[in-house]
Amino acid sequence: VDRPRQMPFFEGIAEIWLQNDEEQIASMQTPEFLHGAREDEPRWAAFWQTFVLDTESQVVKEAEGPRREFVNAYILVKRKPGMELEEFAVALRRHACAVASNPAMRRCVAGLARKGLYGFGEPRFDGIEAWSFDTAAEAGEGLASAHEWAFADQRYVFEMVAREHWVIVPGVR
């Protein structure tokens, strides 16, 4: 499907991986958060432009060997008008499984917006896919390769490529 490439409305991304709500609450009460990230936010975060997408995520593909920093392609998607959330969830996971067959892809994660986000209307996006590669060129090739977003509202498919810079290494605390 030919779709004009849209510029993302964002310039950066922060990923926070937590197992459950209790871990999320606890993380916001740590000295690192309270006296580090929280105090520093006014110097770097334009809170009035901050967008949060809390997801239930599924790792579809994981790289062999120790986890390291990658170049990630992030794709935010909104489901087609009239599509049920369950149908979208199946389509997003199926899509992630299909693109994960790319041999250059090291990691692939599909995230669905948490159900609670629909309590007061619609979140901006229903899901995200995050694809990890060794290089920016591979990430660009992954995005340019034939991948079908037939289940998505084409007006709301946003892509961004960014190099990971860890603050806290995954699995280390």
Protein backbone atom coordinates (compact mmCIF):
# COMPACT_ATOMS: atom_id res chain seq x y z
CA VAL A 1 0.00 0.00 0.00
CA ASP A 2 1.45 3.33 -0.99
CA ARG A 3 1.10 5.76 1.85
CA PRO A 4 2.77 9.14 2.12
CA ARG A 5 5.45 9.11 4.81
CA GLN A 6 4.33 11.38 7.59
CA MET A 7 6.61 13.27 9.87
CA PRO A 8 6.09 12.16 13.45
CA PHE A 9 4.69 14.62 15.90
CA PHE A 10 7.42 13.67 18.36
CA GLU A 11 11.18 14.17 18.54
CA GLY A 12 12.14 11.54 21.08
CA ILE A 13 10.85 8.58 22.98
CA ALA A 14 11.27 7.13 26.44
CA GLU A 15 10.53 3.48 27.08
CA ILE A 16 9.77 2.23 30.54
CA TRP A 17 9.27 -1.53 30.88
CA LEU A 18 7.38 -2.61 33.97
CA GLN A 19 5.71 -5.91 34.80
CA ASN A 20 2.51 -4.62 36.45
CA ASP A 21 0.72 -1.67 38.07
CA GLU A 22 2.37 -2.25 41.44
CA GLU A 23 5.83 -2.07 39.87
CA GLN A 24 4.82 1.12 38.06
CA ILE A 25 3.68 2.80 41.29
CA ALA A 26 6.81 1.64 43.11
CA SER A 27 9.06 2.98 40.32
CA MET A 28 7.60 6.47 40.78
CA GLN A 29 8.48 6.41 44.46
CA THR A 30 12.18 5.58 44.10
CA PRO A 31 14.89 8.14 44.91
CA GLU A 32 16.14 7.81 41.30
CA PHE A 33 12.78 8.97 40.00
CA LEU A 34 11.91 11.55 42.65
CA HIS A 35 15.34 13.19 42.89
CA GLY A 36 16.58 12.36 39.40
CA ALA A 37 14.20 12.15 36.48
CA ARG A 38 11.32 14.06 38.12
CA GLU A 39 13.48 16.97 39.28
CA ASP A 40 15.27 17.12 35.92
CA GLU A 41 12.11 17.00 33.76
CA PRO A 42 11.61 20.78 33.50
CA ARG A 43 15.05 21.06 31.85
CA TRP A 44 14.29 18.61 29.02
CA ALA A 45 10.64 17.55 28.87
CA ALA A 46 8.05 19.76 27.23
CA PHE A 47 5.25 18.29 29.35
CA TRP A 48 2.58 20.13 27.35
CA GLN A 49 3.71 18.13 24.31
CA THR A 50 4.27 14.82 26.07
CA PHE A 51 2.32 11.84 24.82
CA VAL A 52 2.03 8.63 26.85
CA LEU A 53 0.86 5.29 25.48
CA ASP A 54 0.58 2.71 28.24
CA THR A 55 0.53 -0.72 26.60
CA GLU A 56 0.25 -4.41 27.24
CA SER A 57 3.25 -5.58 25.26
CA GLN A 58 4.23 -8.88 23.73
CA VAL A 59 7.78 -9.68 22.67
CA VAL A 60 7.42 -11.41 19.30
CA LYS A 61 11.13 -11.82 18.57
CA GLU A 62 14.13 -11.55 20.88
CA ALA A 63 17.76 -11.24 19.83
CA GLU A 64 20.17 -14.01 20.73
CA GLY A 65 22.83 -13.21 23.32
CA PRO A 66 23.03 -10.42 25.89
CA ARG A 67 20.71 -7.44 25.50
CA ARG A 68 22.42 -4.38 24.06
CA GLU A 69 21.50 -1.01 22.63
CA PHE A 70 19.89 -1.12 19.19
CA VAL A 71 18.48 1.27 16.61
CA ASN A 72 14.71 1.06 16.91
CA ALA A 73 11.92 1.78 14.49
CA TYR A 74 8.74 2.77 16.34
CA ILE A 75 5.43 2.66 14.52
CA LEU A 76 2.36 4.11 16.24
CA VAL A 77 -0.95 2.99 14.74
CA LYS A 78 -4.65 3.69 15.11
CA ARG A 79 -7.15 1.07 13.98
CA LYS A 80 -9.41 1.63 10.99
CA PRO A 81 -12.70 3.37 11.80
CA GLY A 82 -15.32 0.82 12.81
CA MET A 83 -12.79 -1.91 13.61
CA GLU A 84 -13.29 -3.62 16.97
CA LEU A 85 -10.40 -3.58 19.43
CA GLU A 86 -10.20 -7.38 19.51
CA GLU A 87 -9.94 -7.52 15.72
CA PHE A 88 -7.21 -4.85 15.82
CA ALA A 89 -5.30 -6.77 18.50
CA VAL A 90 -5.26 -9.92 16.35
CA ALA A 91 -4.19 -7.95 13.27
CA LEU A 92 -1.39 -6.10 15.10
CA ARG A 93 0.05 -9.31 16.55
CA ARG A 94 -0.22 -11.08 13.19
CA HIS A 95 1.56 -8.14 11.55
CA ALA A 96 4.33 -8.14 14.15
CA CYS A 97 4.88 -11.87 13.61
CA ALA A 98 5.12 -11.32 9.85
CA VAL A 99 7.66 -8.48 10.00
CA ALA A 100 9.70 -10.31 12.66
CA SER A 101 10.76 -12.75 9.95
CA ASN A 102 13.14 -10.04 8.66
CA PRO A 103 16.58 -11.57 9.35
CA ALA A 104 18.09 -8.15 10.16
CA MET A 105 15.49 -7.54 12.87
CA ARG A 106 16.91 -8.32 16.31
CA ARG A 107 13.83 -7.68 18.42
CA CYS A 108 10.15 -7.07 17.72
CA VAL A 109 7.56 -5.95 20.25
CA ALA A 110 3.85 -5.37 19.69
CA GLY A 111 2.06 -3.21 22.24
CA LEU A 112 -1.67 -2.73 22.59
CA ALA A 113 -3.12 0.28 24.40
CA ARG A 114 -4.30 -0.80 27.83
CA LYS A 115 -8.06 -1.23 28.14
CA GLY A 116 -8.25 1.43 30.86
CA LEU A 117 -7.28 4.10 28.32
CA TYR A 118 -10.69 3.63 26.67
CA GLY A 119 -12.59 4.46 29.86
CA PHE A 120 -13.05 8.12 28.91
CA GLY A 121 -12.95 7.92 25.13
CA GLU A 122 -10.31 6.92 22.62
CA PRO A 123 -6.56 7.12 23.11
CA ARG A 124 -4.59 8.75 20.31
CA PHE A 125 -3.27 5.36 19.22
CA ASP A 126 -4.38 1.79 19.70
CA GLY A 127 -0.97 0.20 19.41
CA ILE A 128 2.71 0.36 18.66
CA GLU A 129 5.29 -1.89 17.12
CA ALA A 130 8.95 -1.50 18.04
CA TRP A 131 11.51 -3.11 15.76
CA SER A 132 15.17 -3.32 16.78
CA PHE A 133 18.12 -3.42 14.37
CA ASP A 134 21.89 -3.10 14.57
CA THR A 135 22.07 -0.03 12.31
CA ALA A 136 19.96 2.92 11.20
CA ALA A 137 20.27 1.73 7.59
CA GLU A 138 18.71 -1.63 8.53
CA ALA A 139 15.90 0.15 10.39
CA GLY A 140 15.23 2.34 7.35
CA GLU A 141 15.23 -0.69 5.07
CA GLY A 142 12.84 -2.46 7.46
CA LEU A 143 10.42 0.46 7.30
CA ALA A 144 10.74 0.74 3.53
CA SER A 145 10.19 -2.98 2.96
CA ALA A 146 6.78 -4.27 2.03
CA HIS A 147 4.71 -4.31 5.18
CA GLU A 148 0.98 -3.98 5.02
CA TRP A 149 -0.91 -1.73 7.44
CA ALA A 150 -4.33 -2.60 5.99
CA PHE A 151 -5.84 -2.78 9.48
CA ALA A 152 -4.72 0.75 10.37
CA ASP A 153 -6.19 4.15 9.66
CA GLN A 154 -3.53 5.41 7.24
CA ARG A 155 -3.87 8.96 8.58
CA TYR A 156 -2.61 7.73 11.94
CA VAL A 157 0.46 5.65 11.18
CA PHE A 158 3.56 7.42 12.49
CA GLU A 159 7.10 6.13 12.22
CA MET A 160 10.28 7.17 13.99
CA VAL A 161 13.78 5.74 14.08
CA ALA A 162 15.91 6.32 17.18
CA ARG A 163 19.08 4.92 18.69
CA GLU A 164 18.66 3.48 22.17
CA HIS A 165 20.53 5.10 25.07
CA TRP A 166 19.86 3.25 28.28
CA VAL A 167 19.63 4.96 31.61
CA ILE A 168 19.02 1.70 33.45
CA VAL A 169 20.15 -1.44 31.62
CA PRO A 170 17.30 -3.95 31.12
CA GLY A 171 17.32 -6.56 33.87
CA VAL A 172 19.66 -4.55 36.11
CA ARG A 173 18.30 -2.72 39.12
